[in-house]
């Protein structure tokens, strides 16, 4: 269940940055902070977003998110409930 939080964060970050961001570098950034992406909670994601993501994106990816993009990303993460299946997961279950 918790891995879904990291997966959602990765997808939302890619959308906010308007580019594909590698999962593995992001995974390593979590580990560098002592966070386990497999067990990340929504609070962990928000902490990473507030305290590490802007500098990490700038230093490692050469990307800069504006204040508006960061605020939109924060709202997307705050409203995320990992216990609710995504539309893609629902369609896969129906087709499957």
PDB file of N, CA and C in Angstrom:
ATOM      1  N   UNK A   1       0.827  -1.198   0.000  1.00  0.00           N
ATOM      2  CA  UNK A   1       0.000   0.000   0.000  1.00  0.00           C
ATOM      3  C   UNK A   1       0.866   1.254   0.000  1.00  0.00           C
ATOM      4  N   UNK A   2       1.898   1.264   0.831  1.00  0.00           N
ATOM      5  CA  UNK A   2       2.707   2.470   0.964  1.00  0.00           C
ATOM      6  C   UNK A   2       3.503   2.774  -0.302  1.00  0.00           C
ATOM      7  N   UNK A   3       3.889   1.738  -1.020  1.00  0.00           N
ATOM      8  CA  UNK A   3       4.629   1.970  -2.260  1.00  0.00           C
ATOM      9  C   UNK A   3       3.790   2.802  -3.211  1.00  0.00           C
ATOM     10  N   UNK A   4       2.488   2.685  -3.089  1.00  0.00           N
ATOM     11  CA  UNK A   4       1.593   3.483  -3.931  1.00  0.00           C
ATOM     12  C   UNK A   4       1.818   4.970  -3.685  1.00  0.00           C
ATOM     13  N   UNK A   5       2.164   5.340  -2.459  1.00  0.00           N
ATOM     14  CA  UNK A   5       2.444   6.746  -2.150  1.00  0.00           C
ATOM     15  C   UNK A   5       3.641   7.235  -2.957  1.00  0.00           C
ATOM     16  N   UNK A   6       4.709   6.442  -2.959  1.00  0.00           N
ATOM     17  CA  UNK A   6       5.900   6.823  -3.721  1.00  0.00           C
ATOM     18  C   UNK A   6       5.578   6.876  -5.208  1.00  0.00           C
ATOM     19  N   UNK A   7       4.850   5.880  -5.712  1.00  0.00           N
ATOM     20  CA  UNK A   7       4.491   5.861  -7.133  1.00  0.00           C
ATOM     21  C   UNK A   7       3.682   7.104  -7.505  1.00  0.00           C
ATOM     22  N   UNK A   8       2.731   7.464  -6.658  1.00  0.00           N
ATOM     23  CA  UNK A   8       1.925   8.650  -6.913  1.00  0.00           C
ATOM     24  C   UNK A   8       2.791   9.908  -6.878  1.00  0.00           C
ATOM     25  N   UNK A   9       3.685   9.984  -5.906  1.00  0.00           N
ATOM     26  CA  UNK A   9       4.588  11.135  -5.804  1.00  0.00           C
ATOM     27  C   UNK A   9       5.434  11.264  -7.068  1.00  0.00           C
ATOM     28  N   UNK A  10       5.979  10.159  -7.529  1.00  0.00           N
ATOM     29  CA  UNK A  10       6.804  10.184  -8.735  1.00  0.00           C
ATOM     30  C   UNK A  10       6.007  10.693  -9.932  1.00  0.00           C
ATOM     31  N   UNK A  11       4.812  10.158 -10.126  1.00  0.00           N
ATOM     32  CA  UNK A  11       3.980  10.586 -11.252  1.00  0.00           C
ATOM     33  C   UNK A  11       3.602  12.059 -11.142  1.00  0.00           C
ATOM     34  N   UNK A  12       3.217  12.494  -9.949  1.00  0.00           N
ATOM     35  CA  UNK A  12       2.829  13.896  -9.753  1.00  0.00           C
ATOM     36  C   UNK A  12       4.023  14.828  -9.960  1.00  0.00           C
ATOM     37  N   UNK A  13       5.203  14.398  -9.541  1.00  0.00           N
ATOM     38  CA  UNK A  13       6.406  15.202  -9.724  1.00  0.00           C
ATOM     39  C   UNK A  13       6.750  15.341 -11.203  1.00  0.00           C
ATOM     40  N   UNK A  14       6.610  14.262 -11.964  1.00  0.00           N
ATOM     41  CA  UNK A  14       6.849  14.315 -13.409  1.00  0.00           C
ATOM     42  C   UNK A  14       5.880  15.279 -14.089  1.00  0.00           C
ATOM     43  N   UNK A  15       4.625  15.227 -13.695  1.00  0.00           N
ATOM     44  CA  UNK A  15       3.622  16.124 -14.275  1.00  0.00           C
ATOM     45  C   UNK A  15       3.947  17.573 -13.916  1.00  0.00           C
ATOM     46  N   UNK A  16       4.297  17.819 -12.661  1.00  0.00           N
ATOM     47  CA  UNK A  16       4.610  19.192 -12.221  1.00  0.00           C
ATOM     48  C   UNK A  16       5.830  19.739 -12.950  1.00  0.00           C
ATOM     49  N   UNK A  17       6.820  18.887 -13.188  1.00  0.00           N
ATOM     50  CA  UNK A  17       8.044  19.325 -13.855  1.00  0.00           C
ATOM     51  C   UNK A  17       7.904  19.312 -15.373  1.00  0.00           C
ATOM     52  N   UNK A  18       6.824  18.711 -15.863  1.00  0.00           N
ATOM     53  CA  UNK A  18       6.551  18.602 -17.294  1.00  0.00           C
ATOM     54  C   UNK A  18       7.677  17.860 -18.023  1.00  0.00           C
ATOM     55  N   UNK A  19       8.217  16.853 -17.350  1.00  0.00           N
ATOM     56  CA  UNK A  19       9.247  16.010 -17.950  1.00  0.00           C
ATOM     57  C   UNK A  19       9.324  14.694 -17.197  1.00  0.00           C
ATOM     58  N   UNK A  20       9.937  13.715 -17.813  1.00  0.00           N
ATOM     59  CA  UNK A  20      10.111  12.406 -17.173  1.00  0.00           C
ATOM     60  C   UNK A  20      11.287  12.487 -16.216  1.00  0.00           C
ATOM     61  N   UNK A  21      11.049  12.117 -14.978  1.00  0.00           N
ATOM     62  CA  UNK A  21      12.083  12.088 -13.950  1.00  0.00           C
ATOM     63  C   UNK A  21      12.321  10.624 -13.609  1.00  0.00           C
ATOM     64  N   UNK A  22      13.566  10.239 -13.581  1.00  0.00           N
ATOM     65  CA  UNK A  22      13.902   8.845 -13.294  1.00  0.00           C
ATOM     66  C   UNK A  22      13.456   8.423 -11.901  1.00  0.00           C
ATOM     67  N   UNK A  23      12.872   7.234 -11.816  1.00  0.00           N
ATOM     68  CA  UNK A  23      12.425   6.719 -10.514  1.00  0.00           C
ATOM     69  C   UNK A  23      13.619   6.370  -9.625  1.00  0.00           C
ATOM     70  N   UNK A  24      14.650   5.787 -10.225  1.00  0.00           N
ATOM     71  CA  UNK A  24      15.778   5.339  -9.417  1.00  0.00           C
ATOM     72  C   UNK A  24      16.511   6.505  -8.740  1.00  0.00           C
ATOM     73  N   UNK A  25      16.821   7.597  -9.430  1.00  0.00           N
ATOM     74  CA  UNK A  25      17.445   8.724  -8.730  1.00  0.00           C
ATOM     75  C   UNK A  25      16.560   9.271  -7.603  1.00  0.00           C
ATOM     76  N   UNK A  26      15.254   9.299  -7.836  1.00  0.00           N
ATOM     77  CA  UNK A  26      14.336   9.757  -6.795  1.00  0.00           C
ATOM     78  C   UNK A  26      14.340   8.769  -5.627  1.00  0.00           C
ATOM     79  N   UNK A  27      14.370   7.496  -5.937  1.00  0.00           N
ATOM     80  CA  UNK A  27      14.432   6.436  -4.930  1.00  0.00           C
ATOM     81  C   UNK A  27      15.683   6.624  -4.062  1.00  0.00           C
ATOM     82  N   UNK A  28      16.816   6.887  -4.713  1.00  0.00           N
ATOM     83  CA  UNK A  28      18.069   7.098  -3.987  1.00  0.00           C
ATOM     84  C   UNK A  28      18.017   8.351  -3.123  1.00  0.00           C
ATOM     85  N   UNK A  29      17.366   9.391  -3.616  1.00  0.00           N
ATOM     86  CA  UNK A  29      17.240  10.631  -2.830  1.00  0.00           C
ATOM     87  C   UNK A  29      16.467  10.373  -1.540  1.00  0.00           C
ATOM     88  N   UNK A  30      15.454   9.545  -1.615  1.00  0.00           N
ATOM     89  CA  UNK A  30      14.706   9.172  -0.401  1.00  0.00           C
ATOM     90  C   UNK A  30      15.616   8.431   0.573  1.00  0.00           C
ATOM     91  N   UNK A  31      16.385   7.481   0.039  1.00  0.00           N
ATOM     92  CA  UNK A  31      17.269   6.696   0.899  1.00  0.00           C
ATOM     93  C   UNK A  31      18.348   7.566   1.546  1.00  0.00           C
ATOM     94  N   UNK A  32      18.838   8.556   0.820  1.00  0.00           N
ATOM     95  CA  UNK A  32      19.852   9.455   1.374  1.00  0.00           C
ATOM     96  C   UNK A  32      19.331  10.202   2.600  1.00  0.00           C
ATOM     97  N   UNK A  33      18.038  10.417   2.636  1.00  0.00           N
ATOM     98  CA  UNK A  33      17.428  11.110   3.777  1.00  0.00           C
ATOM     99  C   UNK A  33      16.976  10.133   4.864  1.00  0.00           C
ATOM    100  N   UNK A  34      17.248   8.868   4.656  1.00  0.00           N
ATOM    101  CA  UNK A  34      16.844   7.876   5.644  1.00  0.00           C
ATOM    102  C   UNK A  34      15.387   7.457   5.522  1.00  0.00           C
ATOM    103  N   UNK A  35      14.766   7.760   4.389  1.00  0.00           N
ATOM    104  CA  UNK A  35      13.374   7.375   4.152  1.00  0.00           C
ATOM    105  C   UNK A  35      13.339   6.123   3.279  1.00  0.00           C
ATOM    106  N   UNK A  36      12.413   5.248   3.564  1.00  0.00           N
ATOM    107  CA  UNK A  36      12.229   4.052   2.759  1.00  0.00           C
ATOM    108  C   UNK A  36      11.069   4.288   1.802  1.00  0.00           C
ATOM    109  N   UNK A  37      11.345   4.361   0.495  1.00  0.00           N
ATOM    110  CA  UNK A  37      10.261   4.604  -0.463  1.00  0.00           C
ATOM    111  C   UNK A  37       9.164   3.544  -0.408  1.00  0.00           C
ATOM    112  N   UNK A  38       9.529   2.316  -0.055  1.00  0.00           N
ATOM    113  CA  UNK A  38       8.541   1.238   0.047  1.00  0.00           C
ATOM    114  C   UNK A  38       7.545   1.488   1.170  1.00  0.00           C
ATOM    115  N   UNK A  39       7.970   2.244   2.184  1.00  0.00           N
ATOM    116  CA  UNK A  39       7.120   2.479   3.353  1.00  0.00           C
ATOM    117  C   UNK A  39       6.779   3.952   3.532  1.00  0.00           C
ATOM    118  N   UNK A  40       6.949   4.740   2.479  1.00  0.00           N
ATOM    119  CA  UNK A  40       6.698   6.177   2.579  1.00  0.00           C
ATOM    120  C   UNK A  40       5.225   6.458   2.866  1.00  0.00           C
ATOM    121  N   UNK A  41       5.008   7.377   3.762  1.00  0.00           N
ATOM    122  CA  UNK A  41       3.654   7.814   4.089  1.00  0.00           C
ATOM    123  C   UNK A  41       3.381   9.127   3.365  1.00  0.00           C
ATOM    124  N   UNK A  42       2.127   9.531   3.265  1.00  0.00           N
ATOM    125  CA  UNK A  42       1.849  10.840   2.668  1.00  0.00           C
ATOM    126  C   UNK A  42       2.594  11.970   3.391  1.00  0.00           C
ATOM    127  N   UNK A  43       2.771  11.855   4.690  1.00  0.00           N
ATOM    128  CA  UNK A  43       3.514  12.876   5.443  1.00  0.00           C
ATOM    129  C   UNK A  43       4.979  12.900   5.020  1.00  0.00           C
ATOM    130  N   UNK A  44       5.575  11.730   4.808  1.00  0.00           N
ATOM    131  CA  UNK A  44       6.960  11.665   4.333  1.00  0.00           C
ATOM    132  C   UNK A  44       7.103  12.367   2.994  1.00  0.00           C
ATOM    133  N   UNK A  45       6.137  12.166   2.123  1.00  0.00           N
ATOM    134  CA  UNK A  45       6.188  12.785   0.800  1.00  0.00           C
ATOM    135  C   UNK A  45       6.103  14.302   0.894  1.00  0.00           C
ATOM    136  N   UNK A  46       5.219  14.776   1.739  1.00  0.00           N
ATOM    137  CA  UNK A  46       5.094  16.225   1.909  1.00  0.00           C
ATOM    138  C   UNK A  46       6.358  16.817   2.525  1.00  0.00           C
ATOM    139  N   UNK A  47       6.959  16.111   3.467  1.00  0.00           N
ATOM    140  CA  UNK A  47       8.222  16.576   4.048  1.00  0.00           C
ATOM    141  C   UNK A  47       9.315  16.637   2.992  1.00  0.00           C
ATOM    142  N   UNK A  48       9.396  15.595   2.159  1.00  0.00           N
ATOM    143  CA  UNK A  48      10.386  15.590   1.089  1.00  0.00           C
ATOM    144  C   UNK A  48      10.133  16.748   0.132  1.00  0.00           C
ATOM    145  N   UNK A  49       8.880  16.957  -0.203  1.00  0.00           N
ATOM    146  CA  UNK A  49       8.529  18.043  -1.105  1.00  0.00           C
ATOM    147  C   UNK A  49       8.923  19.401  -0.521  1.00  0.00           C
ATOM    148  N   UNK A  50       8.643  19.610   0.746  1.00  0.00           N
ATOM    149  CA  UNK A  50       8.909  20.904   1.370  1.00  0.00           C
ATOM    150  C   UNK A  50      10.391  21.165   1.610  1.00  0.00           C
ATOM    151  N   UNK A  51      11.124  20.121   1.984  1.00  0.00           N
ATOM    152  CA  UNK A  51      12.491  20.349   2.446  1.00  0.00           C
ATOM    153  C   UNK A  51      13.588  19.879   1.509  1.00  0.00           C
ATOM    154  N   UNK A  52      13.279  19.005   0.572  1.00  0.00           N
ATOM    155  CA  UNK A  52      14.346  18.461  -0.258  1.00  0.00           C
ATOM    156  C   UNK A  52      14.084  18.542  -1.754  1.00  0.00           C
ATOM    157  N   UNK A  53      12.863  18.412  -2.180  1.00  0.00           N
ATOM    158  CA  UNK A  53      12.568  18.298  -3.611  1.00  0.00           C
ATOM    159  C   UNK A  53      13.066  19.479  -4.447  1.00  0.00           C
ATOM    160  N   UNK A  54      12.824  20.737  -4.056  1.00  0.00           N
ATOM    161  CA  UNK A  54      13.290  21.828  -4.923  1.00  0.00           C
ATOM    162  C   UNK A  54      14.799  21.813  -5.154  1.00  0.00           C
ATOM    163  N   UNK A  55      15.580  21.629  -4.099  1.00  0.00           N
ATOM    164  CA  UNK A  55      17.031  21.615  -4.272  1.00  0.00           C
ATOM    165  C   UNK A  55      17.485  20.358  -5.008  1.00  0.00           C
ATOM    166  N   UNK A  56      16.849  19.215  -4.724  1.00  0.00           N
ATOM    167  CA  UNK A  56      17.206  17.983  -5.411  1.00  0.00           C
ATOM    168  C   UNK A  56      16.931  18.104  -6.907  1.00  0.00           C
ATOM    169  N   UNK A  57      15.773  18.618  -7.264  1.00  0.00           N
ATOM    170  CA  UNK A  57      15.449  18.790  -8.685  1.00  0.00           C
ATOM    171  C   UNK A  57      16.447  19.710  -9.371  1.00  0.00           C
ATOM    172  N   UNK A  58      16.833  20.777  -8.702  1.00  0.00           N
ATOM    173  CA  UNK A  58      17.765  21.744  -9.278  1.00  0.00           C
ATOM    174  C   UNK A  58      19.165  21.129  -9.416  1.00  0.00           C
ATOM    175  N   UNK A  59      19.654  20.479  -8.357  1.00  0.00           N
ATOM    176  CA  UNK A  59      21.018  19.951  -8.357  1.00  0.00           C
ATOM    177  C   UNK A  59      21.173  18.684  -9.203  1.00  0.00           C
ATOM    178  N   UNK A  60      20.240  17.773  -9.073  1.00  0.00           N
ATOM    179  CA  UNK A  60      20.381  16.470  -9.726  1.00  0.00           C
ATOM    180  C   UNK A  60      19.756  16.404 -11.118  1.00  0.00           C
ATOM    181  N   UNK A  61      18.667  17.120 -11.315  1.00  0.00           N
ATOM    182  CA  UNK A  61      17.940  17.019 -12.575  1.00  0.00           C
ATOM    183  C   UNK A  61      18.061  18.276 -13.443  1.00  0.00           C
ATOM    184  N   UNK A  62      18.579  19.343 -12.875  1.00  0.00           N
ATOM    185  CA  UNK A  62      18.682  20.592 -13.633  1.00  0.00           C
ATOM    186  C   UNK A  62      17.327  21.233 -13.882  1.00  0.00           C
ATOM    187  N   UNK A  63      16.361  20.963 -13.004  1.00  0.00           N
ATOM    188  CA  UNK A  63      15.007  21.490 -13.154  1.00  0.00           C
ATOM    189  C   UNK A  63      14.689  22.446 -12.014  1.00  0.00           C
ATOM    190  N   UNK A  64      13.845  23.388 -12.303  1.00  0.00           N
ATOM    191  CA  UNK A  64      13.416  24.325 -11.273  1.00  0.00           C
ATOM    192  C   UNK A  64      11.892  24.454 -11.338  1.00  0.00           C
ATOM    193  N   UNK A  65      11.254  24.147 -10.224  1.00  0.00           N
ATOM    194  CA  UNK A  65       9.798  24.302 -10.145  1.00  0.00           C
ATOM    195  C   UNK A  65       9.495  25.663  -9.533  1.00  0.00           C
ATOM    196  N   UNK A  66       8.547  26.339 -10.126  1.00  0.00           N
ATOM    197  CA  UNK A  66       8.121  27.623  -9.597  1.00  0.00           C
ATOM    198  C   UNK A  66       7.223  27.453  -8.380  1.00  0.00           C
ATOM    199  N   UNK A  67       6.963  28.551  -7.726  1.00  0.00           N
ATOM    200  CA  UNK A  67       6.124  28.540  -6.529  1.00  0.00           C
ATOM    201  C   UNK A  67       4.739  27.975  -6.833  1.00  0.00           C
ATOM    202  N   UNK A  68       4.182  28.361  -7.951  1.00  0.00           N
ATOM    203  CA  UNK A  68       2.846  27.880  -8.331  1.00  0.00           C
ATOM    204  C   UNK A  68       2.856  26.374  -8.598  1.00  0.00           C
ATOM    205  N   UNK A  69       3.894  25.889  -9.274  1.00  0.00           N
ATOM    206  CA  UNK A  69       3.995  24.455  -9.548  1.00  0.00           C
ATOM    207  C   UNK A  69       4.138  23.657  -8.247  1.00  0.00           C
ATOM    208  N   UNK A  70       4.949  24.161  -7.329  1.00  0.00           N
ATOM    209  CA  UNK A  70       5.122  23.478  -6.048  1.00  0.00           C
ATOM    210  C   UNK A  70       3.820  23.461  -5.248  1.00  0.00           C
ATOM    211  N   UNK A  71       3.088  24.568  -5.281  1.00  0.00           N
ATOM    212  CA  UNK A  71       1.813  24.632  -4.558  1.00  0.00           C
ATOM    213  C   UNK A  71       0.803  23.661  -5.157  1.00  0.00           C
ATOM    214  N   UNK A  72       0.762  23.573  -6.477  1.00  0.00           N
ATOM    215  CA  UNK A  72      -0.158  22.649  -7.149  1.00  0.00           C
ATOM    216  C   UNK A  72       0.220  21.197  -6.826  1.00  0.00           C
ATOM    217  N   UNK A  73       1.518  20.914  -6.814  1.00  0.00           N
ATOM    218  CA  UNK A  73       1.990  19.575  -6.481  1.00  0.00           C
ATOM    219  C   UNK A  73       1.640  19.229  -5.035  1.00  0.00           C
ATOM    220  N   UNK A  74       1.802  20.178  -4.150  1.00  0.00           N
ATOM    221  CA  UNK A  74       1.476  19.955  -2.732  1.00  0.00           C
ATOM    222  C   UNK A  74      -0.010  19.635  -2.578  1.00  0.00           C
ATOM    223  N   UNK A  75      -0.877  20.377  -3.270  1.00  0.00           N
ATOM    224  CA  UNK A  75      -2.318  20.111  -3.191  1.00  0.00           C
ATOM    225  C   UNK A  75      -2.642  18.714  -3.717  1.00  0.00           C
ATOM    226  N   UNK A  76      -1.979  18.314  -4.792  1.00  0.00           N
ATOM    227  CA  UNK A  76      -2.212  16.975  -5.357  1.00  0.00           C
ATOM    228  C   UNK A  76      -1.806  15.891  -4.359  1.00  0.00           C
ATOM    229  N   UNK A  77      -0.729  16.135  -3.639  1.00  0.00           N
ATOM    230  CA  UNK A  77      -0.271  15.146  -2.660  1.00  0.00           C
ATOM    231  C   UNK A  77      -1.135  15.153  -1.415  1.00  0.00           C
ATOM    232  N   UNK A  78      -1.590  16.322  -1.003  1.00  0.00           N
ATOM    233  CA  UNK A  78      -2.435  16.400   0.191  1.00  0.00           C
ATOM    234  C   UNK A  78      -3.768  15.692  -0.013  1.00  0.00           C
ATOM    235  N   UNK A  79      -4.273  15.716  -1.242  1.00  0.00           N
ATOM    236  CA  UNK A  79      -5.563  15.103  -1.525  1.00  0.00           C
ATOM    237  C   UNK A  79      -5.486  13.633  -1.876  1.00  0.00           C
ATOM    238  N   UNK A  80      -4.308  13.066  -1.860  1.00  0.00           N
ATOM    239  CA  UNK A  80      -4.136  11.676  -2.271  1.00  0.00           C
ATOM    240  C   UNK A  80      -4.404  10.722  -1.108  1.00  0.00           C
ATOM    241  N   UNK A  81      -5.235   9.727  -1.380  1.00  0.00           N
ATOM    242  CA  UNK A  81      -5.521   8.682  -0.393  1.00  0.00           C
ATOM    243  C   UNK A  81      -5.089   7.346  -1.006  1.00  0.00           C
ATOM    244  N   UNK A  82      -3.998   6.756  -0.496  1.00  0.00           N
ATOM    245  CA  UNK A  82      -3.497   5.518  -1.105  1.00  0.00           C
ATOM    246  C   UNK A  82      -4.442   4.325  -0.977  1.00  0.00           C
ATOM    247  N   UNK A  83      -5.449   4.424  -0.146  1.00  0.00           N
ATOM    248  CA  UNK A  83      -6.378   3.298   0.000  1.00  0.00           C
ATOM    249  C   UNK A  83      -7.445   3.292  -1.095  1.00  0.00           C
ATOM    250  N   UNK A  84      -7.553   4.360  -1.853  1.00  0.00           N
ATOM    251  CA  UNK A  84      -8.540   4.452  -2.932  1.00  0.00           C
ATOM    252  C   UNK A  84      -7.857   4.111  -4.255  1.00  0.00           C
ATOM    253  N   UNK A  85      -8.351   3.125  -4.979  1.00  0.00           N
ATOM    254  CA  UNK A  85      -7.736   2.760  -6.258  1.00  0.00           C
ATOM    255  C   UNK A  85      -7.803   3.906  -7.266  1.00  0.00           C
ATOM    256  N   UNK A  86      -6.756   4.014  -8.060  1.00  0.00           N
ATOM    257  CA  UNK A  86      -6.732   5.020  -9.112  1.00  0.00           C
ATOM    258  C   UNK A  86      -7.651   4.571 -10.246  1.00  0.00           C
ATOM    259  N   UNK A  87      -8.052   5.483 -11.130  1.00  0.00           N
ATOM    260  CA  UNK A  87      -8.869   5.071 -12.275  1.00  0.00           C
ATOM    261  C   UNK A  87      -8.193   3.987 -13.115  1.00  0.00           C
ATOM    262  N   UNK A  88      -6.886   4.081 -13.283  1.00  0.00           N
ATOM    263  CA  UNK A  88      -6.160   3.066 -14.049  1.00  0.00           C
ATOM    264  C   UNK A  88      -6.260   1.699 -13.374  1.00  0.00           C
ATOM    265  N   UNK A  89      -6.131   1.677 -12.060  1.00  0.00           N
ATOM    266  CA  UNK A  89      -6.239   0.409 -11.330  1.00  0.00           C
ATOM    267  C   UNK A  89      -7.655  -0.160 -11.424  1.00  0.00           C
ATOM    268  N   UNK A  90      -8.640   0.678 -11.405  1.00  0.00           N
ATOM    269  CA  UNK A  90     -10.027   0.214 -11.538  1.00  0.00           C
ATOM    270  C   UNK A  90     -10.280  -0.387 -12.910  1.00  0.00           C
ATOM    271  N   UNK A  91      -9.777   0.280 -13.951  1.00  0.00           N
ATOM    272  CA  UNK A  91      -9.956  -0.237 -15.308  1.00  0.00           C
ATOM    273  C   UNK A  91      -9.217  -1.552 -15.491  1.00  0.00           C
ATOM    274  N   UNK A  92      -8.022  -1.671 -14.919  1.00  0.00           N
ATOM    275  CA  UNK A  92      -7.269  -2.908 -15.009  1.00  0.00           C
ATOM    276  C   UNK A  92      -8.023  -4.045 -14.326  1.00  0.00           C
ATOM    277  N   UNK A  93      -8.631  -3.754 -13.181  1.00  0.00           N
ATOM    278  CA  UNK A  93      -9.402  -4.775 -12.467  1.00  0.00           C
ATOM    279  C   UNK A  93     -10.619  -5.211 -13.285  1.00  0.00           C
ATOM    280  N   UNK A  94     -11.267  -4.268 -13.961  1.00  0.00           N
ATOM    281  CA  UNK A  94     -12.436  -4.606 -14.779  1.00  0.00           C
ATOM    282  C   UNK A  94     -12.037  -5.456 -15.985  1.00  0.00           C
ATOM    283  N   UNK A  95     -10.897  -5.128 -16.581  1.00  0.00           N
ATOM    284  CA  UNK A  95     -10.459  -5.826 -17.780  1.00  0.00           C
ATOM    285  C   UNK A  95      -9.817  -7.174 -17.448  1.00  0.00           C
ATOM    286  N   UNK A  96      -9.372  -7.303 -16.209  1.00  0.00           N
ATOM    287  CA  UNK A  96      -8.557  -8.390 -15.861  1.00  0.00           C
ATOM    288  C   UNK A  96      -8.950  -9.700 -15.507  1.00  0.00           C
TER     289      UNK A  96
END
